[in-house]
């Protein structure tokens, strides 16, 4: 599963620097697949959709920090636990029940993003 940030977020920014995939963004911040990854040019997402890696995308939230699901690997391949959840002072980084992925899928996503 990916991690999501709930509306209990206090926007402290403790999580943002902990994410090895650069999947966490500030409220109202645009984002791209290439941010903090080796992705560039036209890419095929794990779901089969083709997108431009450098294209700036609309913010997912304009009120709270947010996690881009397609970039979240629960820190698999980097750490034993999701780092955002481990540093969050209000425990608002939780498993996203709507985006269930196996450990193998998460590792494959990590390898895809970082060219491994």
PDB file of N, CA and C in Angstrom:
ATOM      1  N   UNK A   1       0.831  -1.188   0.000  1.00  0.00           N
ATOM      2  CA  UNK A   1       0.000   0.000   0.000  1.00  0.00           C
ATOM      3  C   UNK A   1       0.864   1.236   0.000  1.00  0.00           C
ATOM      4  N   UNK A   2       0.340   2.261  -0.519  1.00  0.00           N
ATOM      5  CA  UNK A   2       0.995   3.562  -0.402  1.00  0.00           C
ATOM      6  C   UNK A   2       0.599   4.155   0.954  1.00  0.00           C
ATOM      7  N   UNK A   3       1.257   5.224   1.295  1.00  0.00           N
ATOM      8  CA  UNK A   3       0.932   5.964   2.513  1.00  0.00           C
ATOM      9  C   UNK A   3       0.162   7.208   2.077  1.00  0.00           C
ATOM     10  N   UNK A   4      -0.747   7.661   2.917  1.00  0.00           N
ATOM     11  CA  UNK A   4      -1.439   8.916   2.655  1.00  0.00           C
ATOM     12  C   UNK A   4      -1.352   9.773   3.909  1.00  0.00           C
ATOM     13  N   UNK A   5      -1.525  11.059   3.714  1.00  0.00           N
ATOM     14  CA  UNK A   5      -1.502  12.012   4.822  1.00  0.00           C
ATOM     15  C   UNK A   5      -2.932  12.476   5.055  1.00  0.00           C
ATOM     16  N   UNK A   6      -3.388  12.346   6.282  1.00  0.00           N
ATOM     17  CA  UNK A   6      -4.768  12.704   6.617  1.00  0.00           C
ATOM     18  C   UNK A   6      -4.898  14.209   6.850  1.00  0.00           C
ATOM     19  N   UNK A   7      -6.129  14.653   6.998  1.00  0.00           N
ATOM     20  CA  UNK A   7      -6.378  16.074   7.238  1.00  0.00           C
ATOM     21  C   UNK A   7      -6.035  16.500   8.669  1.00  0.00           C
ATOM     22  N   UNK A   8      -5.470  15.592   9.447  1.00  0.00           N
ATOM     23  CA  UNK A   8      -4.976  15.945  10.782  1.00  0.00           C
ATOM     24  C   UNK A   8      -3.566  16.537  10.709  1.00  0.00           C
ATOM     25  N   UNK A   9      -2.994  16.574   9.507  1.00  0.00           N
ATOM     26  CA  UNK A   9      -1.651  17.099   9.284  1.00  0.00           C
ATOM     27  C   UNK A   9      -1.559  18.534   9.799  1.00  0.00           C
ATOM     28  N   UNK A  10      -0.461  18.822  10.501  1.00  0.00           N
ATOM     29  CA  UNK A  10      -0.245  20.179  11.021  1.00  0.00           C
ATOM     30  C   UNK A  10       0.777  20.943  10.160  1.00  0.00           C
ATOM     31  N   UNK A  11       1.132  20.380   8.999  1.00  0.00           N
ATOM     32  CA  UNK A  11       2.060  21.016   8.059  1.00  0.00           C
ATOM     33  C   UNK A  11       3.392  21.387   8.710  1.00  0.00           C
ATOM     34  N   UNK A  12       3.913  20.469   9.519  1.00  0.00           N
ATOM     35  CA  UNK A  12       5.172  20.729  10.218  1.00  0.00           C
ATOM     36  C   UNK A  12       6.384  20.504   9.321  1.00  0.00           C
ATOM     37  N   UNK A  13       6.225  19.769   8.257  1.00  0.00           N
ATOM     38  CA  UNK A  13       7.234  19.422   7.253  1.00  0.00           C
ATOM     39  C   UNK A  13       8.293  18.432   7.725  1.00  0.00           C
ATOM     40  N   UNK A  14       8.038  17.721   8.815  1.00  0.00           N
ATOM     41  CA  UNK A  14       8.985  16.711   9.288  1.00  0.00           C
ATOM     42  C   UNK A  14       9.143  15.573   8.286  1.00  0.00           C
ATOM     43  N   UNK A  15       8.102  15.265   7.562  1.00  0.00           N
ATOM     44  CA  UNK A  15       8.089  14.118   6.655  1.00  0.00           C
ATOM     45  C   UNK A  15       8.780  14.371   5.321  1.00  0.00           C
ATOM     46  N   UNK A  16       8.739  15.588   4.841  1.00  0.00           N
ATOM     47  CA  UNK A  16       9.136  15.869   3.462  1.00  0.00           C
ATOM     48  C   UNK A  16      10.591  15.491   3.171  1.00  0.00           C
ATOM     49  N   UNK A  17      11.490  15.771   4.076  1.00  0.00           N
ATOM     50  CA  UNK A  17      12.907  15.462   3.838  1.00  0.00           C
ATOM     51  C   UNK A  17      13.234  13.988   4.080  1.00  0.00           C
ATOM     52  N   UNK A  18      12.328  13.264   4.690  1.00  0.00           N
ATOM     53  CA  UNK A  18      12.550  11.852   4.984  1.00  0.00           C
ATOM     54  C   UNK A  18      12.238  10.930   3.805  1.00  0.00           C
ATOM     55  N   UNK A  19      11.474  11.407   2.838  1.00  0.00           N
ATOM     56  CA  UNK A  19      11.008  10.549   1.744  1.00  0.00           C
ATOM     57  C   UNK A  19      12.111  10.307   0.717  1.00  0.00           C
ATOM     58  N   UNK A  20      12.545   9.054   0.545  1.00  0.00           N
ATOM     59  CA  UNK A  20      13.610   8.760  -0.418  1.00  0.00           C
ATOM     60  C   UNK A  20      13.155   8.855  -1.876  1.00  0.00           C
ATOM     61  N   UNK A  21      11.857   8.932  -2.098  1.00  0.00           N
ATOM     62  CA  UNK A  21      11.314   8.995  -3.456  1.00  0.00           C
ATOM     63  C   UNK A  21      10.832  10.384  -3.843  1.00  0.00           C
ATOM     64  N   UNK A  22      10.972  11.337  -2.943  1.00  0.00           N
ATOM     65  CA  UNK A  22      10.459  12.681  -3.159  1.00  0.00           C
ATOM     66  C   UNK A  22       8.983  12.630  -3.558  1.00  0.00           C
ATOM     67  N   UNK A  23       8.220  11.837  -2.812  1.00  0.00           N
ATOM     68  CA  UNK A  23       6.789  11.655  -3.081  1.00  0.00           C
ATOM     69  C   UNK A  23       5.908  12.573  -2.250  1.00  0.00           C
ATOM     70  N   UNK A  24       6.498  13.313  -1.323  1.00  0.00           N
ATOM     71  CA  UNK A  24       5.734  14.179  -0.428  1.00  0.00           C
ATOM     72  C   UNK A  24       5.943  15.628  -0.841  1.00  0.00           C
ATOM     73  N   UNK A  25       4.833  16.351  -0.928  1.00  0.00           N
ATOM     74  CA  UNK A  25       4.874  17.737  -1.381  1.00  0.00           C
ATOM     75  C   UNK A  25       4.135  18.656  -0.416  1.00  0.00           C
ATOM     76  N   UNK A  26       4.547  19.921  -0.432  1.00  0.00           N
ATOM     77  CA  UNK A  26       3.899  20.935   0.384  1.00  0.00           C
ATOM     78  C   UNK A  26       2.499  21.219  -0.145  1.00  0.00           C
ATOM     79  N   UNK A  27       1.622  21.684   0.733  1.00  0.00           N
ATOM     80  CA  UNK A  27       0.274  22.041   0.287  1.00  0.00           C
ATOM     81  C   UNK A  27       0.346  23.034  -0.867  1.00  0.00           C
ATOM     82  N   UNK A  28      -0.513  22.830  -1.831  1.00  0.00           N
ATOM     83  CA  UNK A  28      -0.631  23.722  -2.980  1.00  0.00           C
ATOM     84  C   UNK A  28       0.617  23.727  -3.865  1.00  0.00           C
ATOM     85  N   UNK A  29       1.469  22.695  -3.720  1.00  0.00           N
ATOM     86  CA  UNK A  29       2.668  22.612  -4.542  1.00  0.00           C
ATOM     87  C   UNK A  29       2.464  21.714  -5.747  1.00  0.00           C
ATOM     88  N   UNK A  30       2.950  22.152  -6.905  1.00  0.00           N
ATOM     89  CA  UNK A  30       2.863  21.268  -8.056  1.00  0.00           C
ATOM     90  C   UNK A  30       3.973  20.217  -7.941  1.00  0.00           C
ATOM     91  N   UNK A  31       3.872  19.170  -8.739  1.00  0.00           N
ATOM     92  CA  UNK A  31       4.800  18.056  -8.613  1.00  0.00           C
ATOM     93  C   UNK A  31       5.014  17.393  -9.978  1.00  0.00           C
ATOM     94  N   UNK A  32       6.090  16.609 -10.063  1.00  0.00           N
ATOM     95  CA  UNK A  32       6.336  15.829 -11.273  1.00  0.00           C
ATOM     96  C   UNK A  32       6.939  14.486 -10.885  1.00  0.00           C
ATOM     97  N   UNK A  33       6.842  13.551 -11.815  1.00  0.00           N
ATOM     98  CA  UNK A  33       7.432  12.232 -11.579  1.00  0.00           C
ATOM     99  C   UNK A  33       8.951  12.312 -11.534  1.00  0.00           C
ATOM    100  N   UNK A  34       9.530  13.275 -12.213  1.00  0.00           N
ATOM    101  CA  UNK A  34      10.989  13.383 -12.265  1.00  0.00           C
ATOM    102  C   UNK A  34      11.598  13.949 -10.985  1.00  0.00           C
ATOM    103  N   UNK A  35      10.805  14.641 -10.169  1.00  0.00           N
ATOM    104  CA  UNK A  35      11.334  15.212  -8.924  1.00  0.00           C
ATOM    105  C   UNK A  35      11.970  14.125  -8.063  1.00  0.00           C
ATOM    106  N   UNK A  36      13.276  14.218  -7.849  1.00  0.00           N
ATOM    107  CA  UNK A  36      13.969  13.295  -6.962  1.00  0.00           C
ATOM    108  C   UNK A  36      14.098  11.873  -7.462  1.00  0.00           C
ATOM    109  N   UNK A  37      13.852  11.650  -8.746  1.00  0.00           N
ATOM    110  CA  UNK A  37      13.965  10.309  -9.323  1.00  0.00           C
ATOM    111  C   UNK A  37      14.852  10.380 -10.564  1.00  0.00           C
ATOM    112  N   UNK A  38      15.091   9.226 -11.189  1.00  0.00           N
ATOM    113  CA  UNK A  38      15.862   9.214 -12.439  1.00  0.00           C
ATOM    114  C   UNK A  38      14.950   9.241 -13.659  1.00  0.00           C
ATOM    115  N   UNK A  39      13.656   9.412 -13.458  1.00  0.00           N
ATOM    116  CA  UNK A  39      12.702   9.412 -14.564  1.00  0.00           C
ATOM    117  C   UNK A  39      12.832  10.676 -15.393  1.00  0.00           C
ATOM    118  N   UNK A  40      12.826  10.512 -16.732  1.00  0.00           N
ATOM    119  CA  UNK A  40      12.841  11.663 -17.627  1.00  0.00           C
ATOM    120  C   UNK A  40      12.197  11.298 -18.950  1.00  0.00           C
ATOM    121  N   UNK A  41      11.750  12.326 -19.656  1.00  0.00           N
ATOM    122  CA  UNK A  41      11.099  12.097 -20.941  1.00  0.00           C
ATOM    123  C   UNK A  41       9.747  11.431 -20.775  1.00  0.00           C
ATOM    124  N   UNK A  42       9.284  10.782 -21.837  1.00  0.00           N
ATOM    125  CA  UNK A  42       8.024  10.028 -21.768  1.00  0.00           C
ATOM    126  C   UNK A  42       8.263   8.744 -20.986  1.00  0.00           C
ATOM    127  N   UNK A  43       7.395   8.482 -20.021  1.00  0.00           N
ATOM    128  CA  UNK A  43       7.516   7.285 -19.186  1.00  0.00           C
ATOM    129  C   UNK A  43       6.194   6.534 -19.169  1.00  0.00           C
ATOM    130  N   UNK A  44       6.268   5.265 -18.868  1.00  0.00           N
ATOM    131  CA  UNK A  44       5.072   4.453 -18.691  1.00  0.00           C
ATOM    132  C   UNK A  44       4.942   4.157 -17.209  1.00  0.00           C
ATOM    133  N   UNK A  45       3.844   4.606 -16.619  1.00  0.00           N
ATOM    134  CA  UNK A  45       3.586   4.382 -15.204  1.00  0.00           C
ATOM    135  C   UNK A  45       3.326   2.901 -14.953  1.00  0.00           C
ATOM    136  N   UNK A  46       3.477   2.457 -13.718  1.00  0.00           N
ATOM    137  CA  UNK A  46       3.181   1.052 -13.405  1.00  0.00           C
ATOM    138  C   UNK A  46       1.766   0.619 -13.818  1.00  0.00           C
ATOM    139  N   UNK A  47       0.832   1.563 -13.900  1.00  0.00           N
ATOM    140  CA  UNK A  47      -0.538   1.225 -14.314  1.00  0.00           C
ATOM    141  C   UNK A  47      -0.704   1.206 -15.837  1.00  0.00           C
ATOM    142  N   UNK A  48       0.399   1.455 -16.583  1.00  0.00           N
ATOM    143  CA  UNK A  48       0.368   1.403 -18.038  1.00  0.00           C
ATOM    144  C   UNK A  48       0.144   2.737 -18.731  1.00  0.00           C
ATOM    145  N   UNK A  49      -0.217   3.771 -18.000  1.00  0.00           N
ATOM    146  CA  UNK A  49      -0.470   5.093 -18.581  1.00  0.00           C
ATOM    147  C   UNK A  49       0.861   5.765 -18.938  1.00  0.00           C
ATOM    148  N   UNK A  50       0.914   6.439 -20.080  1.00  0.00           N
ATOM    149  CA  UNK A  50       2.107   7.165 -20.489  1.00  0.00           C
ATOM    150  C   UNK A  50       1.968   8.636 -20.143  1.00  0.00           C
ATOM    151  N   UNK A  51       3.025   9.190 -19.551  1.00  0.00           N
ATOM    152  CA  UNK A  51       3.041  10.601 -19.165  1.00  0.00           C
ATOM    153  C   UNK A  51       4.442  11.166 -19.379  1.00  0.00           C
ATOM    154  N   UNK A  52       4.536  12.470 -19.379  1.00  0.00           N
ATOM    155  CA  UNK A  52       5.824  13.157 -19.447  1.00  0.00           C
ATOM    156  C   UNK A  52       6.355  13.292 -18.016  1.00  0.00           C
ATOM    157  N   UNK A  53       7.545  12.765 -17.752  1.00  0.00           N
ATOM    158  CA  UNK A  53       8.102  12.745 -16.397  1.00  0.00           C
ATOM    159  C   UNK A  53       8.302  14.143 -15.817  1.00  0.00           C
ATOM    160  N   UNK A  54       8.660  15.109 -16.670  1.00  0.00           N
ATOM    161  CA  UNK A  54       8.936  16.466 -16.191  1.00  0.00           C
ATOM    162  C   UNK A  54       7.710  17.365 -16.124  1.00  0.00           C
ATOM    163  N   UNK A  55       6.577  16.896 -16.603  1.00  0.00           N
ATOM    164  CA  UNK A  55       5.355  17.715 -16.596  1.00  0.00           C
ATOM    165  C   UNK A  55       4.967  18.050 -15.153  1.00  0.00           C
ATOM    166  N   UNK A  56       4.681  19.322 -14.924  1.00  0.00           N
ATOM    167  CA  UNK A  56       4.242  19.756 -13.609  1.00  0.00           C
ATOM    168  C   UNK A  56       2.753  19.436 -13.471  1.00  0.00           C
ATOM    169  N   UNK A  57       2.399  18.767 -12.398  1.00  0.00           N
ATOM    170  CA  UNK A  57       1.021  18.354 -12.140  1.00  0.00           C
ATOM    171  C   UNK A  57       0.413  19.212 -11.049  1.00  0.00           C
ATOM    172  N   UNK A  58      -0.908  19.336 -11.099  1.00  0.00           N
ATOM    173  CA  UNK A  58      -1.649  20.112 -10.104  1.00  0.00           C
ATOM    174  C   UNK A  58      -1.463  19.513  -8.709  1.00  0.00           C
ATOM    175  N   UNK A  59      -1.474  20.350  -7.677  1.00  0.00           N
ATOM    176  CA  UNK A  59      -1.381  19.852  -6.308  1.00  0.00           C
ATOM    177  C   UNK A  59      -2.547  18.911  -5.983  1.00  0.00           C
ATOM    178  N   UNK A  60      -2.273  17.925  -5.174  1.00  0.00           N
ATOM    179  CA  UNK A  60      -3.316  16.992  -4.733  1.00  0.00           C
ATOM    180  C   UNK A  60      -4.094  17.604  -3.564  1.00  0.00           C
ATOM    181  N   UNK A  61      -3.436  18.479  -2.807  1.00  0.00           N
ATOM    182  CA  UNK A  61      -4.092  19.169  -1.697  1.00  0.00           C
ATOM    183  C   UNK A  61      -3.592  20.606  -1.649  1.00  0.00           C
ATOM    184  N   UNK A  62      -4.485  21.505  -1.330  1.00  0.00           N
ATOM    185  CA  UNK A  62      -4.055  22.887  -1.152  1.00  0.00           C
ATOM    186  C   UNK A  62      -4.042  23.286   0.327  1.00  0.00           C
ATOM    187  N   UNK A  63      -4.348  22.306   1.196  1.00  0.00           N
ATOM    188  CA  UNK A  63      -4.387  22.590   2.628  1.00  0.00           C
ATOM    189  C   UNK A  63      -3.321  21.853   3.432  1.00  0.00           C
ATOM    190  N   UNK A  64      -2.987  20.627   3.019  1.00  0.00           N
ATOM    191  CA  UNK A  64      -2.087  19.778   3.794  1.00  0.00           C
ATOM    192  C   UNK A  64      -1.005  19.183   2.904  1.00  0.00           C
ATOM    193  N   UNK A  65       0.092  18.802   3.528  1.00  0.00           N
ATOM    194  CA  UNK A  65       1.112  18.059   2.793  1.00  0.00           C
ATOM    195  C   UNK A  65       0.427  16.857   2.162  1.00  0.00           C
ATOM    196  N   UNK A  66       0.944  16.404   1.032  1.00  0.00           N
ATOM    197  CA  UNK A  66       0.330  15.257   0.359  1.00  0.00           C
ATOM    198  C   UNK A  66       1.400  14.337  -0.216  1.00  0.00           C
ATOM    199  N   UNK A  67       1.004  13.087  -0.424  1.00  0.00           N
ATOM    200  CA  UNK A  67       1.882  12.064  -0.985  1.00  0.00           C
ATOM    201  C   UNK A  67       1.347  11.673  -2.355  1.00  0.00           C
ATOM    202  N   UNK A  68       2.234  11.670  -3.347  1.00  0.00           N
ATOM    203  CA  UNK A  68       1.875  11.205  -4.683  1.00  0.00           C
ATOM    204  C   UNK A  68       1.942   9.680  -4.660  1.00  0.00           C
ATOM    205  N   UNK A  69       0.783   9.044  -4.754  1.00  0.00           N
ATOM    206  CA  UNK A  69       0.673   7.594  -4.636  1.00  0.00           C
ATOM    207  C   UNK A  69       1.588   6.854  -5.597  1.00  0.00           C
ATOM    208  N   UNK A  70       1.666   7.325  -6.835  1.00  0.00           N
ATOM    209  CA  UNK A  70       2.498   6.644  -7.840  1.00  0.00           C
ATOM    210  C   UNK A  70       3.980   6.692  -7.508  1.00  0.00           C
ATOM    211  N   UNK A  71       4.388   7.543  -6.573  1.00  0.00           N
ATOM    212  CA  UNK A  71       5.798   7.635  -6.198  1.00  0.00           C
ATOM    213  C   UNK A  71       6.089   7.021  -4.824  1.00  0.00           C
ATOM    214  N   UNK A  72       5.058   6.655  -4.080  1.00  0.00           N
ATOM    215  CA  UNK A  72       5.238   6.118  -2.731  1.00  0.00           C
ATOM    216  C   UNK A  72       5.511   4.619  -2.774  1.00  0.00           C
ATOM    217  N   UNK A  73       6.582   4.213  -2.101  1.00  0.00           N
ATOM    218  CA  UNK A  73       6.931   2.786  -2.014  1.00  0.00           C
ATOM    219  C   UNK A  73       6.953   2.299  -0.562  1.00  0.00           C
ATOM    220  N   UNK A  74       6.388   3.080   0.337  1.00  0.00           N
ATOM    221  CA  UNK A  74       6.457   2.779   1.778  1.00  0.00           C
ATOM    222  C   UNK A  74       7.901   2.645   2.230  1.00  0.00           C
ATOM    223  N   UNK A  75       8.813   3.254   1.503  1.00  0.00           N
ATOM    224  CA  UNK A  75      10.253   3.215   1.771  1.00  0.00           C
ATOM    225  C   UNK A  75      10.871   1.834   1.561  1.00  0.00           C
ATOM    226  N   UNK A  76      10.138   0.923   0.927  1.00  0.00           N
ATOM    227  CA  UNK A  76      10.679  -0.414   0.646  1.00  0.00           C
ATOM    228  C   UNK A  76      11.941  -0.269  -0.206  1.00  0.00           C
ATOM    229  N   UNK A  77      12.963  -1.034   0.151  1.00  0.00           N
ATOM    230  CA  UNK A  77      14.232  -0.959  -0.550  1.00  0.00           C
ATOM    231  C   UNK A  77      15.163   0.105   0.004  1.00  0.00           C
ATOM    232  N   UNK A  78      14.646   0.941   0.899  1.00  0.00           N
ATOM    233  CA  UNK A  78      15.445   1.979   1.544  1.00  0.00           C
ATOM    234  C   UNK A  78      15.492   1.794   3.060  1.00  0.00           C
ATOM    235  N   UNK A  79      14.315   1.573   3.649  1.00  0.00           N
ATOM    236  CA  UNK A  79      14.196   1.496   5.109  1.00  0.00           C
ATOM    237  C   UNK A  79      13.241   0.368   5.497  1.00  0.00           C
ATOM    238  N   UNK A  80      13.267   0.007   6.766  1.00  0.00           N
ATOM    239  CA  UNK A  80      12.402  -1.060   7.272  1.00  0.00           C
ATOM    240  C   UNK A  80      10.965  -0.614   7.496  1.00  0.00           C
ATOM    241  N   UNK A  81      10.744   0.686   7.581  1.00  0.00           N
ATOM    242  CA  UNK A  81       9.402   1.213   7.802  1.00  0.00           C
ATOM    243  C   UNK A  81       9.255   2.548   7.084  1.00  0.00           C
ATOM    244  N   UNK A  82       8.036   2.960   6.801  1.00  0.00           N
ATOM    245  CA  UNK A  82       7.832   4.261   6.158  1.00  0.00           C
ATOM    246  C   UNK A  82       8.365   5.385   7.049  1.00  0.00           C
ATOM    247  N   UNK A  83       9.301   6.129   6.511  1.00  0.00           N
ATOM    248  CA  UNK A  83       9.941   7.171   7.303  1.00  0.00           C
ATOM    249  C   UNK A  83       9.017   8.335   7.628  1.00  0.00           C
ATOM    250  N   UNK A  84       8.084   8.642   6.738  1.00  0.00           N
ATOM    251  CA  UNK A  84       7.146   9.733   7.022  1.00  0.00           C
ATOM    252  C   UNK A  84       6.345   9.417   8.281  1.00  0.00           C
ATOM    253  N   UNK A  85       5.886   8.183   8.370  1.00  0.00           N
ATOM    254  CA  UNK A  85       5.088   7.772   9.534  1.00  0.00           C
ATOM    255  C   UNK A  85       5.930   7.764  10.808  1.00  0.00           C
ATOM    256  N   UNK A  86       7.196   7.391  10.672  1.00  0.00           N
ATOM    257  CA  UNK A  86       8.030   7.298  11.873  1.00  0.00           C
ATOM    258  C   UNK A  86       8.381   8.664  12.459  1.00  0.00           C
ATOM    259  N   UNK A  87       8.387   9.728  11.631  1.00  0.00           N
ATOM    260  CA  UNK A  87       8.726  11.056  12.150  1.00  0.00           C
ATOM    261  C   UNK A  87       7.515  11.952  12.384  1.00  0.00           C
ATOM    262  N   UNK A  88       6.348  11.537  11.968  1.00  0.00           N
ATOM    263  CA  UNK A  88       5.164  12.377  12.078  1.00  0.00           C
ATOM    264  C   UNK A  88       4.746  12.558  13.543  1.00  0.00           C
ATOM    265  N   UNK A  89       4.692  13.802  14.016  1.00  0.00           N
ATOM    266  CA  UNK A  89       4.341  14.030  15.420  1.00  0.00           C
ATOM    267  C   UNK A  89       2.860  13.826  15.734  1.00  0.00           C
ATOM    268  N   UNK A  90       2.001  13.778  14.719  1.00  0.00           N
ATOM    269  CA  UNK A  90       0.569  13.613  14.971  1.00  0.00           C
ATOM    270  C   UNK A  90       0.007  12.332  14.354  1.00  0.00           C
ATOM    271  N   UNK A  91       0.885  11.440  13.901  1.00  0.00           N
ATOM    272  CA  UNK A  91       0.476  10.151  13.330  1.00  0.00           C
ATOM    273  C   UNK A  91      -0.556  10.275  12.214  1.00  0.00           C
ATOM    274  N   UNK A  92      -0.333  11.222  11.307  1.00  0.00           N
ATOM    275  CA  UNK A  92      -1.290  11.391  10.216  1.00  0.00           C
ATOM    276  C   UNK A  92      -0.828  10.736   8.912  1.00  0.00           C
ATOM    277  N   UNK A  93       0.326  10.085   8.919  1.00  0.00           N
ATOM    278  CA  UNK A  93       0.814   9.332   7.751  1.00  0.00           C
ATOM    279  C   UNK A  93       0.407   7.876   7.964  1.00  0.00           C
ATOM    280  N   UNK A  94      -0.627   7.461   7.222  1.00  0.00           N
ATOM    281  CA  UNK A  94      -1.210   6.141   7.444  1.00  0.00           C
ATOM    282  C   UNK A  94      -1.279   5.360   6.133  1.00  0.00           C
ATOM    283  N   UNK A  95      -1.493   4.057   6.243  1.00  0.00           N
ATOM    284  CA  UNK A  95      -1.646   3.233   5.047  1.00  0.00           C
ATOM    285  C   UNK A  95      -2.874   3.672   4.263  1.00  0.00           C
ATOM    286  N   UNK A  96      -2.728   3.714   2.962  1.00  0.00           N
ATOM    287  CA  UNK A  96      -3.817   4.122   2.072  1.00  0.00           C
ATOM    288  C   UNK A  96      -4.530   2.869   1.581  1.00  0.00           C
ATOM    289  N   UNK A  97      -5.645   2.546   2.199  1.00  0.00           N
ATOM    290  CA  UNK A  97      -6.407   1.331   1.882  1.00  0.00           C
ATOM    291  C   UNK A  97      -6.898   1.297   0.435  1.00  0.00           C
ATOM    292  N   UNK A  98      -6.936   2.451  -0.228  1.00  0.00           N
ATOM    293  CA  UNK A  98      -7.411   2.510  -1.607  1.00  0.00           C
ATOM    294  C   UNK A  98      -6.319   2.200  -2.627  1.00  0.00           C
ATOM    295  N   UNK A  99      -5.078   2.070  -2.163  1.00  0.00           N
ATOM    296  CA  UNK A  99      -3.953   1.795  -3.052  1.00  0.00           C
ATOM    297  C   UNK A  99      -3.121   0.649  -2.483  1.00  0.00           C
ATOM    298  N   UNK A 100      -3.635  -0.555  -2.637  1.00  0.00           N
ATOM    299  CA  UNK A 100      -2.991  -1.748  -2.101  1.00  0.00           C
ATOM    300  C   UNK A 100      -1.961  -2.266  -3.109  1.00  0.00           C
ATOM    301  N   UNK A 101      -0.726  -2.467  -2.650  1.00  0.00           N
ATOM    302  CA  UNK A 101       0.345  -3.015  -3.469  1.00  0.00           C
ATOM    303  C   UNK A 101       1.126  -4.016  -2.634  1.00  0.00           C
ATOM    304  N   UNK A 102       1.658  -5.037  -3.291  1.00  0.00           N
ATOM    305  CA  UNK A 102       2.473  -6.025  -2.588  1.00  0.00           C
ATOM    306  C   UNK A 102       3.878  -5.456  -2.377  1.00  0.00           C
ATOM    307  N   UNK A 103       4.650  -6.114  -1.542  1.00  0.00           N
ATOM    308  CA  UNK A 103       6.030  -5.682  -1.334  1.00  0.00           C
ATOM    309  C   UNK A 103       6.810  -5.769  -2.648  1.00  0.00           C
ATOM    310  N   UNK A 104       6.579  -6.818  -3.438  1.00  0.00           N
ATOM    311  CA  UNK A 104       7.255  -6.948  -4.731  1.00  0.00           C
ATOM    312  C   UNK A 104       6.900  -5.792  -5.661  1.00  0.00           C
ATOM    313  N   UNK A 105       5.644  -5.377  -5.673  1.00  0.00           N
ATOM    314  CA  UNK A 105       5.227  -4.248  -6.509  1.00  0.00           C
ATOM    315  C   UNK A 105       5.899  -2.954  -6.042  1.00  0.00           C
ATOM    316  N   UNK A 106       5.995  -2.775  -4.736  1.00  0.00           N
ATOM    317  CA  UNK A 106       6.619  -1.567  -4.190  1.00  0.00           C
ATOM    318  C   UNK A 106       8.109  -1.524  -4.525  1.00  0.00           C
ATOM    319  N   UNK A 107       8.792  -2.652  -4.421  1.00  0.00           N
ATOM    320  CA  UNK A 107      10.220  -2.729  -4.768  1.00  0.00           C
ATOM    321  C   UNK A 107      10.401  -2.460  -6.265  1.00  0.00           C
ATOM    322  N   UNK A 108       9.522  -3.035  -7.088  1.00  0.00           N
ATOM    323  CA  UNK A 108       9.604  -2.811  -8.538  1.00  0.00           C
ATOM    324  C   UNK A 108       9.394  -1.329  -8.857  1.00  0.00           C
ATOM    325  N   UNK A 109       8.485  -0.665  -8.134  1.00  0.00           N
ATOM    326  CA  UNK A 109       8.240   0.765  -8.343  1.00  0.00           C
ATOM    327  C   UNK A 109       9.472   1.560  -7.962  1.00  0.00           C
ATOM    328  N   UNK A 110      10.099   1.208  -6.857  1.00  0.00           N
ATOM    329  CA  UNK A 110      11.343   1.866  -6.424  1.00  0.00           C
ATOM    330  C   UNK A 110      12.415   1.723  -7.496  1.00  0.00           C
ATOM    331  N   UNK A 111      12.600   0.499  -7.996  1.00  0.00           N
ATOM    332  CA  UNK A 111      13.610   0.264  -9.028  1.00  0.00           C
ATOM    333  C   UNK A 111      13.292   1.048 -10.296  1.00  0.00           C
ATOM    334  N   UNK A 112      12.023   1.131 -10.667  1.00  0.00           N
ATOM    335  CA  UNK A 112      11.584   1.873 -11.850  1.00  0.00           C
ATOM    336  C   UNK A 112      11.920   3.359 -11.696  1.00  0.00           C
ATOM    337  N   UNK A 113      11.650   3.916 -10.530  1.00  0.00           N
ATOM    338  CA  UNK A 113      11.878   5.351 -10.331  1.00  0.00           C
ATOM    339  C   UNK A 113      13.348   5.722 -10.257  1.00  0.00           C
ATOM    340  N   UNK A 114      14.164   4.795  -9.771  1.00  0.00           N
ATOM    341  CA  UNK A 114      15.562   5.121  -9.533  1.00  0.00           C
ATOM    342  C   UNK A 114      16.511   4.418 -10.497  1.00  0.00           C
ATOM    343  N   UNK A 115      15.957   3.823 -11.548  1.00  0.00           N
ATOM    344  CA  UNK A 115      16.775   3.224 -12.605  1.00  0.00           C
ATOM    345  C   UNK A 115      17.646   2.078 -12.147  1.00  0.00           C
ATOM    346  N   UNK A 116      17.105   1.258 -11.274  1.00  0.00           N
ATOM    347  CA  UNK A 116      17.898   0.127 -10.761  1.00  0.00           C
ATOM    348  C   UNK A 116      17.437  -1.179 -11.332  1.00  0.00           C
TER     349      UNK A 116
END
